[in-house]
Amino acid sequence: MEKNRNNIDDSIRFVAKHYQKGMFDTANGWKRLSASLPDFGRPHHQLRLTWIAAAVMLLCVIGVSVLKIMNRPEQLFAQTDNTSFTLPDQTGIVMRKGSKLEYDKHFDKTERRVSMYGEITFAVAPDETKPFIVSTPAAQIEVLGTEFTVIADDDETRLSVASGKVLFTPDDPVIPLLCSAGMTVHYSAGSKTVKIASTDSEMEINGKTRSLTFENMRLKEVVMVLSHFYKIQIELPESESELTFSSSFTQASIIEIINIINLTLDTHITIIEP
């Protein structure tokens, strides 16, 4: 009888460790218990085992609930315009009415990652070891220390950089775009269109129509976009990287585009064979 009780204790410990909602089969459990206990049919045994099973289930539910509460992310919500908060890393944010920001309990431990919706201005505290990452429903923004504003909803993400540099990566097409002070980005997930503008240049990337437009863009930026857009490696001589280029392409092959650039600017851009 003592052996059977030890088996019950082991079973309880196993259930407490591995229980997941919906996985406990009570009918099968009673069959196993009845097979292991010769006098299981006696009423007082049934009552005791019912109490034990209920206690185990209650402990498991309480444990899962406590764990969820402990890991619940922090949420900030702006009920009025110009609502200010300071994040744990001393990054300052100013939120427009209705904006939301969320970060988990481990923020600033190994990385600084937040998700947002609405319009928020960030003054990021510098930390070269922990990039500050902002996720919107349609894009990701990564910085080391700068000031910028993001407006985001389910379809669109808009970025305006006030100082420093920001790496903006839309979901589709996935092209990391390095943006500096004075630059703006507008991304529409529905049309898969990215528009980048600065004081003296513009660029548009359309993933749906497979079109590219460059207006007074430096060649090193053009080549970077082409490399990601066509998923190939392209080599550009350093001496030609600061030349500017303007043109539009739709459904064009990468070889055709490179030939046009080389002929127009007398450059020496080449494709690196894998």
C-alpha atoms as a PDB file:
ATOM      1  CA  MET A   1       0.000   0.000   0.000  1.00  0.00           C
ATOM      2  CA  GLU A   2       2.945   2.290   0.866  1.00  0.00           C
ATOM      3  CA  LYS A   3       4.337   1.705  -2.638  1.00  0.00           C
ATOM      4  CA  ASN A   4       1.039   2.790  -4.204  1.00  0.00           C
ATOM      5  CA  ARG A   5       1.053   6.012  -2.165  1.00  0.00           C
ATOM      6  CA  ASN A   6       4.615   6.771  -3.341  1.00  0.00           C
ATOM      7  CA  ASN A   7       3.426   6.266  -6.941  1.00  0.00           C
ATOM      8  CA  ILE A   8       0.605   8.754  -6.355  1.00  0.00           C
ATOM      9  CA  ASP A   9       3.109  11.330  -5.014  1.00  0.00           C
ATOM     10  CA  ASP A  10       5.310  10.863  -8.083  1.00  0.00           C
ATOM     11  CA  SER A  11       2.287  11.283 -10.361  1.00  0.00           C
ATOM     12  CA  ILE A  12       1.265  14.504  -8.637  1.00  0.00           C
ATOM     13  CA  ARG A  13       4.753  15.968  -9.030  1.00  0.00           C
ATOM     14  CA  PHE A  14       4.789  15.002 -12.718  1.00  0.00           C
ATOM     15  CA  VAL A  15       1.420  16.672 -13.372  1.00  0.00           C
ATOM     16  CA  ALA A  16       2.459  19.851 -11.556  1.00  0.00           C
ATOM     17  CA  LYS A  17       5.589  20.081 -13.709  1.00  0.00           C
ATOM     18  CA  HIS A  18       4.139  19.290 -17.109  1.00  0.00           C
ATOM     19  CA  TYR A  19       0.469  20.344 -16.914  1.00  0.00           C
ATOM     20  CA  GLN A  20      -0.873  22.367 -19.848  1.00  0.00           C
ATOM     21  CA  LYS A  21      -4.439  23.511 -20.252  1.00  0.00           C
ATOM     22  CA  GLY A  22      -6.587  21.021 -22.125  1.00  0.00           C
ATOM     23  CA  MET A  23      -4.054  18.194 -21.938  1.00  0.00           C
ATOM     24  CA  PHE A  24      -5.281  16.464 -18.721  1.00  0.00           C
ATOM     25  CA  ASP A  25      -7.564  13.515 -19.593  1.00  0.00           C
ATOM     26  CA  THR A  26      -9.553  12.897 -16.411  1.00  0.00           C
ATOM     27  CA  ALA A  27     -11.191   9.691 -17.666  1.00  0.00           C
ATOM     28  CA  ASN A  28      -7.861   8.119 -18.530  1.00  0.00           C
ATOM     29  CA  GLY A  29      -6.393   9.334 -15.247  1.00  0.00           C
ATOM     30  CA  TRP A  30      -9.084   7.597 -13.170  1.00  0.00           C
ATOM     31  CA  LYS A  31      -8.530   4.357 -15.082  1.00  0.00           C
ATOM     32  CA  ARG A  32      -4.807   4.402 -14.302  1.00  0.00           C
ATOM     33  CA  LEU A  33      -5.404   5.161 -10.642  1.00  0.00           C
ATOM     34  CA  SER A  34      -7.971   2.384 -10.315  1.00  0.00           C
ATOM     35  CA  ALA A  35      -5.534  -0.090 -11.861  1.00  0.00           C
ATOM     36  CA  SER A  36      -2.773   0.851  -9.402  1.00  0.00           C
ATOM     37  CA  LEU A  37      -4.976   0.718  -6.253  1.00  0.00           C
ATOM     38  CA  PRO A  38      -6.614  -2.613  -5.354  1.00  0.00           C
ATOM     39  CA  ASP A  39      -9.153  -0.995  -3.007  1.00  0.00           C
ATOM     40  CA  PHE A  40      -9.819   1.996  -5.211  1.00  0.00           C
ATOM     41  CA  GLY A  41     -13.549   1.395  -5.251  1.00  0.00           C
ATOM     42  CA  ARG A  42     -13.976   2.292  -1.601  1.00  0.00           C
ATOM     43  CA  PRO A  43     -15.748   5.633  -1.152  1.00  0.00           C
ATOM     44  CA  HIS A  44     -13.146   7.208   1.135  1.00  0.00           C
ATOM     45  CA  HIS A  45     -10.385   6.550  -1.413  1.00  0.00           C
ATOM     46  CA  GLN A  46     -12.418   8.156  -4.168  1.00  0.00           C
ATOM     47  CA  LEU A  47     -13.055  11.214  -2.030  1.00  0.00           C
ATOM     48  CA  ARG A  48      -9.381  11.559  -1.099  1.00  0.00           C
ATOM     49  CA  LEU A  49      -8.154  11.156  -4.679  1.00  0.00           C
ATOM     50  CA  THR A  50     -10.754  13.603  -5.946  1.00  0.00           C
ATOM     51  CA  TRP A  51      -9.479  16.147  -3.430  1.00  0.00           C
ATOM     52  CA  ILE A  52      -5.851  15.510  -4.440  1.00  0.00           C
ATOM     53  CA  ALA A  53      -6.620  15.839  -8.148  1.00  0.00           C
ATOM     54  CA  ALA A  54      -8.550  19.080  -7.538  1.00  0.00           C
ATOM     55  CA  ALA A  55      -5.691  20.479  -5.449  1.00  0.00           C
ATOM     56  CA  VAL A  56      -3.141  19.651  -8.152  1.00  0.00           C
ATOM     57  CA  MET A  57      -5.273  21.264 -10.833  1.00  0.00           C
ATOM     58  CA  LEU A  58      -5.753  24.379  -8.692  1.00  0.00           C
ATOM     59  CA  LEU A  59      -2.018  24.700  -8.026  1.00  0.00           C
ATOM     60  CA  CYS A  60      -1.263  24.359 -11.739  1.00  0.00           C
ATOM     61  CA  VAL A  61      -3.832  27.012 -12.694  1.00  0.00           C
ATOM     62  CA  ILE A  62      -2.486  29.383 -10.012  1.00  0.00           C
ATOM     63  CA  GLY A  63       1.098  28.782 -11.169  1.00  0.00           C
ATOM     64  CA  VAL A  64       0.269  29.493 -14.803  1.00  0.00           C
ATOM     65  CA  SER A  65      -1.644  32.650 -13.835  1.00  0.00           C
ATOM     66  CA  VAL A  66       1.211  33.952 -11.677  1.00  0.00           C
ATOM     67  CA  LEU A  67       3.710  33.266 -14.469  1.00  0.00           C
ATOM     68  CA  LYS A  68       1.574  35.190 -16.976  1.00  0.00           C
ATOM     69  CA  ILE A  69       1.281  38.146 -14.596  1.00  0.00           C
ATOM     70  CA  MET A  70       5.059  38.178 -13.982  1.00  0.00           C
ATOM     71  CA  ASN A  71       5.812  38.166 -17.731  1.00  0.00           C
ATOM     72  CA  ARG A  72       3.068  40.614 -18.726  1.00  0.00           C
ATOM     73  CA  PRO A  73       4.588  43.460 -20.779  1.00  0.00           C
ATOM     74  CA  GLU A  74       4.530  47.055 -19.641  1.00  0.00           C
ATOM     75  CA  GLN A  75       2.018  49.166 -21.572  1.00  0.00           C
ATOM     76  CA  LEU A  76       1.915  52.931 -21.969  1.00  0.00           C
ATOM     77  CA  PHE A  77      -1.130  54.746 -23.349  1.00  0.00           C
ATOM     78  CA  ALA A  78      -1.555  58.454 -24.106  1.00  0.00           C
ATOM     79  CA  GLN A  79      -4.944  59.849 -23.140  1.00  0.00           C
ATOM     80  CA  THR A  80      -3.965  63.374 -24.211  1.00  0.00           C
ATOM     81  CA  ASP A  81      -1.553  64.964 -26.684  1.00  0.00           C
ATOM     82  CA  ASN A  82       2.088  65.473 -25.659  1.00  0.00           C
ATOM     83  CA  THR A  83       2.001  62.780 -22.976  1.00  0.00           C
ATOM     84  CA  SER A  84       5.585  62.212 -21.804  1.00  0.00           C
ATOM     85  CA  PHE A  85       7.191  59.096 -20.366  1.00  0.00           C
ATOM     86  CA  THR A  86      10.741  58.032 -19.519  1.00  0.00           C
ATOM     87  CA  LEU A  87      11.650  54.420 -20.293  1.00  0.00           C
ATOM     88  CA  PRO A  88      13.907  52.349 -17.977  1.00  0.00           C
ATOM     89  CA  ASP A  89      16.994  53.183 -20.089  1.00  0.00           C
ATOM     90  CA  GLN A  90      16.236  56.926 -19.711  1.00  0.00           C
ATOM     91  CA  THR A  91      14.943  57.228 -23.273  1.00  0.00           C
ATOM     92  CA  GLY A  92      12.338  59.977 -23.387  1.00  0.00           C
ATOM     93  CA  ILE A  93       9.148  59.665 -25.432  1.00  0.00           C
ATOM     94  CA  VAL A  94       6.338  62.078 -26.231  1.00  0.00           C
ATOM     95  CA  MET A  95       3.070  60.496 -27.369  1.00  0.00           C
ATOM     96  CA  ARG A  96       0.094  61.874 -29.277  1.00  0.00           C
ATOM     97  CA  LYS A  97      -3.376  61.112 -27.954  1.00  0.00           C
ATOM     98  CA  GLY A  98      -4.387  57.498 -28.549  1.00  0.00           C
ATOM     99  CA  SER A  99      -0.831  56.257 -29.090  1.00  0.00           C
ATOM    100  CA  LYS A 100       0.330  53.025 -27.463  1.00  0.00           C
ATOM    101  CA  LEU A 101       3.753  51.660 -26.579  1.00  0.00           C
ATOM    102  CA  GLU A 102       4.659  48.263 -25.121  1.00  0.00           C
ATOM    103  CA  TYR A 103       7.879  46.678 -23.835  1.00  0.00           C
ATOM    104  CA  ASP A 104       8.597  43.502 -21.886  1.00  0.00           C
ATOM    105  CA  LYS A 105      10.081  42.946 -18.421  1.00  0.00           C
ATOM    106  CA  HIS A 106      13.546  42.287 -19.853  1.00  0.00           C
ATOM    107  CA  PHE A 107      13.826  45.682 -21.543  1.00  0.00           C
ATOM    108  CA  ASP A 108      17.361  47.113 -21.230  1.00  0.00           C
ATOM    109  CA  LYS A 109      18.806  43.794 -20.033  1.00  0.00           C
ATOM    110  CA  THR A 110      20.173  42.486 -23.340  1.00  0.00           C
ATOM    111  CA  GLU A 111      18.372  44.738 -25.835  1.00  0.00           C
ATOM    112  CA  ARG A 112      15.973  47.654 -25.965  1.00  0.00           C
ATOM    113  CA  ARG A 113      12.896  46.658 -27.950  1.00  0.00           C
ATOM    114  CA  VAL A 114       9.464  48.313 -27.988  1.00  0.00           C
ATOM    115  CA  SER A 115       6.353  47.975 -30.131  1.00  0.00           C
ATOM    116  CA  MET A 116       4.118  50.925 -30.883  1.00  0.00           C
ATOM    117  CA  TYR A 117       0.987  52.234 -32.545  1.00  0.00           C
ATOM    118  CA  GLY A 118       0.068  55.867 -33.170  1.00  0.00           C
ATOM    119  CA  GLU A 119       2.507  58.820 -33.147  1.00  0.00           C
ATOM    120  CA  ILE A 120       5.502  58.896 -30.803  1.00  0.00           C
ATOM    121  CA  THR A 121       8.639  61.043 -30.707  1.00  0.00           C
ATOM    122  CA  PHE A 122      11.719  59.291 -29.295  1.00  0.00           C
ATOM    123  CA  ALA A 123      14.845  60.833 -27.759  1.00  0.00           C
ATOM    124  CA  VAL A 124      16.888  57.652 -27.441  1.00  0.00           C
ATOM    125  CA  ALA A 125      19.511  57.360 -24.711  1.00  0.00           C
ATOM    126  CA  PRO A 126      22.834  56.389 -26.366  1.00  0.00           C
ATOM    127  CA  ASP A 127      24.031  52.826 -25.744  1.00  0.00           C
ATOM    128  CA  GLU A 128      26.217  51.249 -28.436  1.00  0.00           C
ATOM    129  CA  THR A 129      25.959  47.799 -26.816  1.00  0.00           C
ATOM    130  CA  LYS A 130      22.152  47.724 -26.883  1.00  0.00           C
ATOM    131  CA  PRO A 131      20.473  48.978 -30.064  1.00  0.00           C
ATOM    132  CA  PHE A 132      17.076  50.577 -29.573  1.00  0.00           C
ATOM    133  CA  ILE A 133      14.511  48.778 -31.761  1.00  0.00           C
ATOM    134  CA  VAL A 134      11.012  50.043 -32.522  1.00  0.00           C
ATOM    135  CA  SER A 135       8.559  47.588 -34.093  1.00  0.00           C
ATOM    136  CA  THR A 136       5.411  48.809 -35.847  1.00  0.00           C
ATOM    137  CA  PRO A 137       2.758  46.610 -37.499  1.00  0.00           C
ATOM    138  CA  ALA A 138       4.574  46.996 -40.853  1.00  0.00           C
ATOM    139  CA  ALA A 139       8.241  47.871 -40.217  1.00  0.00           C
ATOM    140  CA  GLN A 140      11.206  47.834 -37.864  1.00  0.00           C
ATOM    141  CA  ILE A 141      13.368  50.808 -36.875  1.00  0.00           C
ATOM    142  CA  GLU A 142      16.790  50.435 -35.230  1.00  0.00           C
ATOM    143  CA  VAL A 143      18.920  53.181 -33.682  1.00  0.00           C
ATOM    144  CA  LEU A 144      21.881  53.587 -31.315  1.00  0.00           C
ATOM    145  CA  GLY A 145      21.072  57.069 -30.063  1.00  0.00           C
ATOM    146  CA  THR A 146      19.105  59.773 -31.833  1.00  0.00           C
ATOM    147  CA  GLU A 147      15.860  61.720 -31.994  1.00  0.00           C
ATOM    148  CA  PHE A 148      13.065  60.768 -34.368  1.00  0.00           C
ATOM    149  CA  THR A 149       9.291  60.564 -34.708  1.00  0.00           C
ATOM    150  CA  VAL A 150       7.271  57.540 -35.827  1.00  0.00           C
ATOM    151  CA  ILE A 151       3.635  57.474 -36.924  1.00  0.00           C
ATOM    152  CA  ALA A 152       2.274  53.954 -37.364  1.00  0.00           C
ATOM    153  CA  ASP A 153      -0.971  52.071 -37.844  1.00  0.00           C
ATOM    154  CA  ASP A 154      -1.784  48.631 -39.265  1.00  0.00           C
ATOM    155  CA  ASP A 155      -0.835  49.614 -42.839  1.00  0.00           C
ATOM    156  CA  GLU A 156       1.416  52.677 -42.786  1.00  0.00           C
ATOM    157  CA  THR A 157       4.622  53.651 -41.004  1.00  0.00           C
ATOM    158  CA  ARG A 158       6.073  57.155 -41.256  1.00  0.00           C
ATOM    159  CA  LEU A 159       9.504  58.109 -39.938  1.00  0.00           C
ATOM    160  CA  SER A 160      11.010  61.569 -39.515  1.00  0.00           C
ATOM    161  CA  VAL A 161      14.627  61.805 -38.313  1.00  0.00           C
ATOM    162  CA  ALA A 162      15.585  64.896 -36.318  1.00  0.00           C
ATOM    163  CA  SER A 163      19.169  63.930 -35.465  1.00  0.00           C
ATOM    164  CA  GLY A 164      21.538  60.969 -35.691  1.00  0.00           C
ATOM    165  CA  LYS A 165      20.955  57.936 -37.907  1.00  0.00           C
ATOM    166  CA  VAL A 166      18.124  55.412 -38.068  1.00  0.00           C
ATOM    167  CA  LEU A 167      17.955  52.059 -39.846  1.00  0.00           C
ATOM    168  CA  PHE A 168      14.449  51.636 -41.277  1.00  0.00           C
ATOM    169  CA  THR A 169      13.453  48.167 -42.540  1.00  0.00           C
ATOM    170  CA  PRO A 170       9.994  47.620 -44.075  1.00  0.00           C
ATOM    171  CA  ASP A 171       8.395  44.169 -43.921  1.00  0.00           C
ATOM    172  CA  ASP A 172       8.055  43.843 -47.708  1.00  0.00           C
ATOM    173  CA  PRO A 173      10.251  44.484 -49.601  1.00  0.00           C
ATOM    174  CA  VAL A 174      12.848  43.835 -46.885  1.00  0.00           C
ATOM    175  CA  ILE A 175      15.418  46.554 -47.603  1.00  0.00           C
ATOM    176  CA  PRO A 176      17.332  48.173 -44.717  1.00  0.00           C
ATOM    177  CA  LEU A 177      17.411  51.921 -45.361  1.00  0.00           C
ATOM    178  CA  LEU A 178      19.871  54.104 -43.453  1.00  0.00           C
ATOM    179  CA  CYS A 179      18.227  57.457 -42.753  1.00  0.00           C
ATOM    180  CA  SER A 180      20.000  60.504 -41.366  1.00  0.00           C
ATOM    181  CA  ALA A 181      18.865  63.856 -39.968  1.00  0.00           C
ATOM    182  CA  GLY A 182      16.331  65.648 -42.149  1.00  0.00           C
ATOM    183  CA  MET A 183      15.150  62.504 -43.935  1.00  0.00           C
ATOM    184  CA  THR A 184      11.601  61.154 -43.973  1.00  0.00           C
ATOM    185  CA  VAL A 185      10.256  57.703 -44.834  1.00  0.00           C
ATOM    186  CA  HIS A 186       6.724  56.691 -45.729  1.00  0.00           C
ATOM    187  CA  TYR A 187       5.954  52.981 -46.035  1.00  0.00           C
ATOM    188  CA  SER A 188       2.610  51.473 -47.072  1.00  0.00           C
ATOM    189  CA  ALA A 189       2.292  47.737 -46.421  1.00  0.00           C
ATOM    190  CA  GLY A 190      -0.779  47.435 -48.642  1.00  0.00           C
ATOM    191  CA  SER A 191       0.952  48.701 -51.768  1.00  0.00           C
ATOM    192  CA  LYS A 192       4.439  47.567 -50.654  1.00  0.00           C
ATOM    193  CA  THR A 193       5.705  51.056 -51.387  1.00  0.00           C
ATOM    194  CA  VAL A 194       8.572  52.872 -49.644  1.00  0.00           C
ATOM    195  CA  LYS A 195       9.186  56.576 -50.257  1.00  0.00           C
ATOM    196  CA  ILE A 196      12.370  58.173 -48.895  1.00  0.00           C
ATOM    197  CA  ALA A 197      13.029  61.908 -49.117  1.00  0.00           C
ATOM    198  CA  SER A 198      15.696  64.338 -47.958  1.00  0.00           C
ATOM    199  CA  THR A 199      16.339  67.983 -48.773  1.00  0.00           C
ATOM    200  CA  ASP A 200      18.059  67.197 -52.103  1.00  0.00           C
ATOM    201  CA  SER A 201      17.089  63.639 -53.092  1.00  0.00           C
ATOM    202  CA  GLU A 202      14.172  61.198 -53.323  1.00  0.00           C
ATOM    203  CA  MET A 203      13.657  57.495 -53.862  1.00  0.00           C
ATOM    204  CA  GLU A 204      10.626  55.237 -54.282  1.00  0.00           C
ATOM    205  CA  ILE A 205      10.585  51.431 -54.112  1.00  0.00           C
ATOM    206  CA  ASN A 206       7.420  49.549 -55.129  1.00  0.00           C
ATOM    207  CA  GLY A 207       7.428  45.835 -54.383  1.00  0.00           C
ATOM    208  CA  LYS A 208       4.089  45.195 -56.093  1.00  0.00           C
ATOM    209  CA  THR A 209       4.835  46.736 -59.473  1.00  0.00           C
ATOM    210  CA  ARG A 210       8.566  45.958 -59.179  1.00  0.00           C
ATOM    211  CA  SER A 211       9.434  49.567 -59.918  1.00  0.00           C
ATOM    212  CA  LEU A 212      12.264  51.799 -58.695  1.00  0.00           C
ATOM    213  CA  THR A 213      12.637  55.568 -58.892  1.00  0.00           C
ATOM    214  CA  PHE A 214      15.837  57.430 -58.010  1.00  0.00           C
ATOM    215  CA  GLU A 215      16.091  61.213 -57.968  1.00  0.00           C
ATOM    216  CA  ASN A 216      19.552  62.635 -57.344  1.00  0.00           C
ATOM    217  CA  MET A 217      20.515  59.628 -55.200  1.00  0.00           C
ATOM    218  CA  ARG A 218      24.140  58.768 -54.418  1.00  0.00           C
ATOM    219  CA  LEU A 219      25.359  55.648 -56.200  1.00  0.00           C
ATOM    220  CA  LYS A 220      26.303  53.861 -52.980  1.00  0.00           C
ATOM    221  CA  GLU A 221      22.664  54.144 -51.848  1.00  0.00           C
ATOM    222  CA  VAL A 222      21.338  53.103 -55.266  1.00  0.00           C
ATOM    223  CA  VAL A 223      23.598  50.036 -55.323  1.00  0.00           C
ATOM    224  CA  MET A 224      22.599  49.073 -51.772  1.00  0.00           C
ATOM    225  CA  VAL A 225      18.910  49.166 -52.721  1.00  0.00           C
ATOM    226  CA  LEU A 226      19.495  47.207 -55.946  1.00  0.00           C
ATOM    227  CA  SER A 227      21.474  44.589 -54.053  1.00  0.00           C
ATOM    228  CA  HIS A 228      18.633  43.921 -51.588  1.00  0.00           C
ATOM    229  CA  PHE A 229      15.838  44.335 -54.123  1.00  0.00           C
ATOM    230  CA  TYR A 230      17.327  41.774 -56.510  1.00  0.00           C
ATOM    231  CA  LYS A 231      19.023  39.712 -53.764  1.00  0.00           C
ATOM    232  CA  ILE A 232      22.469  39.749 -55.357  1.00  0.00           C
ATOM    233  CA  GLN A 233      25.903  41.149 -54.517  1.00  0.00           C
ATOM    234  CA  ILE A 234      27.008  44.217 -56.458  1.00  0.00           C
ATOM    235  CA  GLU A 235      30.442  45.814 -56.468  1.00  0.00           C
ATOM    236  CA  LEU A 236      30.842  49.576 -56.766  1.00  0.00           C
ATOM    237  CA  PRO A 237      34.293  51.230 -56.909  1.00  0.00           C
ATOM    238  CA  GLU A 238      34.802  53.499 -53.893  1.00  0.00           C
ATOM    239  CA  SER A 239      35.807  56.392 -56.150  1.00  0.00           C
ATOM    240  CA  GLU A 240      32.339  56.312 -57.794  1.00  0.00           C
ATOM    241  CA  SER A 241      30.203  55.948 -54.640  1.00  0.00           C
ATOM    242  CA  GLU A 242      29.391  59.671 -54.235  1.00  0.00           C
ATOM    243  CA  LEU A 243      28.203  60.206 -57.831  1.00  0.00           C
ATOM    244  CA  THR A 244      24.475  60.947 -58.101  1.00  0.00           C
ATOM    245  CA  PHE A 245      21.958  59.200 -60.327  1.00  0.00           C
ATOM    246  CA  SER A 246      18.368  59.862 -61.464  1.00  0.00           C
ATOM    247  CA  SER A 247      16.113  57.448 -63.349  1.00  0.00           C
ATOM    248  CA  SER A 248      13.058  55.189 -63.100  1.00  0.00           C
ATOM    249  CA  PHE A 249      12.705  51.458 -63.819  1.00  0.00           C
ATOM    250  CA  THR A 250       9.702  49.135 -63.969  1.00  0.00           C
ATOM    251  CA  GLN A 251       9.998  45.369 -64.375  1.00  0.00           C
ATOM    252  CA  ALA A 252      13.607  45.847 -65.471  1.00  0.00           C
ATOM    253  CA  SER A 253      16.314  43.227 -65.018  1.00  0.00           C
ATOM    254  CA  ILE A 254      19.291  44.009 -62.807  1.00  0.00           C
ATOM    255  CA  ILE A 255      21.668  43.630 -65.776  1.00  0.00           C
ATOM    256  CA  GLU A 256      19.679  46.197 -67.735  1.00  0.00           C
ATOM    257  CA  ILE A 257      19.744  48.666 -64.830  1.00  0.00           C
ATOM    258  CA  ILE A 258      23.484  48.298 -64.229  1.00  0.00           C
ATOM    259  CA  ASN A 259      24.218  48.747 -67.935  1.00  0.00           C
ATOM    260  CA  ILE A 260      22.178  51.948 -68.029  1.00  0.00           C
ATOM    261  CA  ILE A 261      23.979  53.362 -64.969  1.00  0.00           C
ATOM    262  CA  ASN A 262      27.409  52.463 -66.349  1.00  0.00           C
ATOM    263  CA  LEU A 263      26.636  53.978 -69.755  1.00  0.00           C
ATOM    264  CA  THR A 264      25.083  57.129 -68.265  1.00  0.00           C
ATOM    265  CA  LEU A 265      27.779  57.900 -65.686  1.00  0.00           C
ATOM    266  CA  ASP A 266      30.746  56.045 -67.194  1.00  0.00           C
ATOM    267  CA  THR A 267      30.971  53.942 -64.051  1.00  0.00           C
ATOM    268  CA  HIS A 268      32.210  50.387 -63.444  1.00  0.00           C
ATOM    269  CA  ILE A 269      29.499  48.664 -61.418  1.00  0.00           C
ATOM    270  CA  THR A 270      29.636  44.856 -61.614  1.00  0.00           C
ATOM    271  CA  ILE A 271      27.684  41.880 -60.293  1.00  0.00           C
ATOM    272  CA  ILE A 272      29.624  39.552 -57.991  1.00  0.00           C
ATOM    273  CA  GLU A 273      28.972  35.989 -59.063  1.00  0.00           C
ATOM    274  CA  PRO A 274      28.137  33.585 -56.194  1.00  0.00           C
END
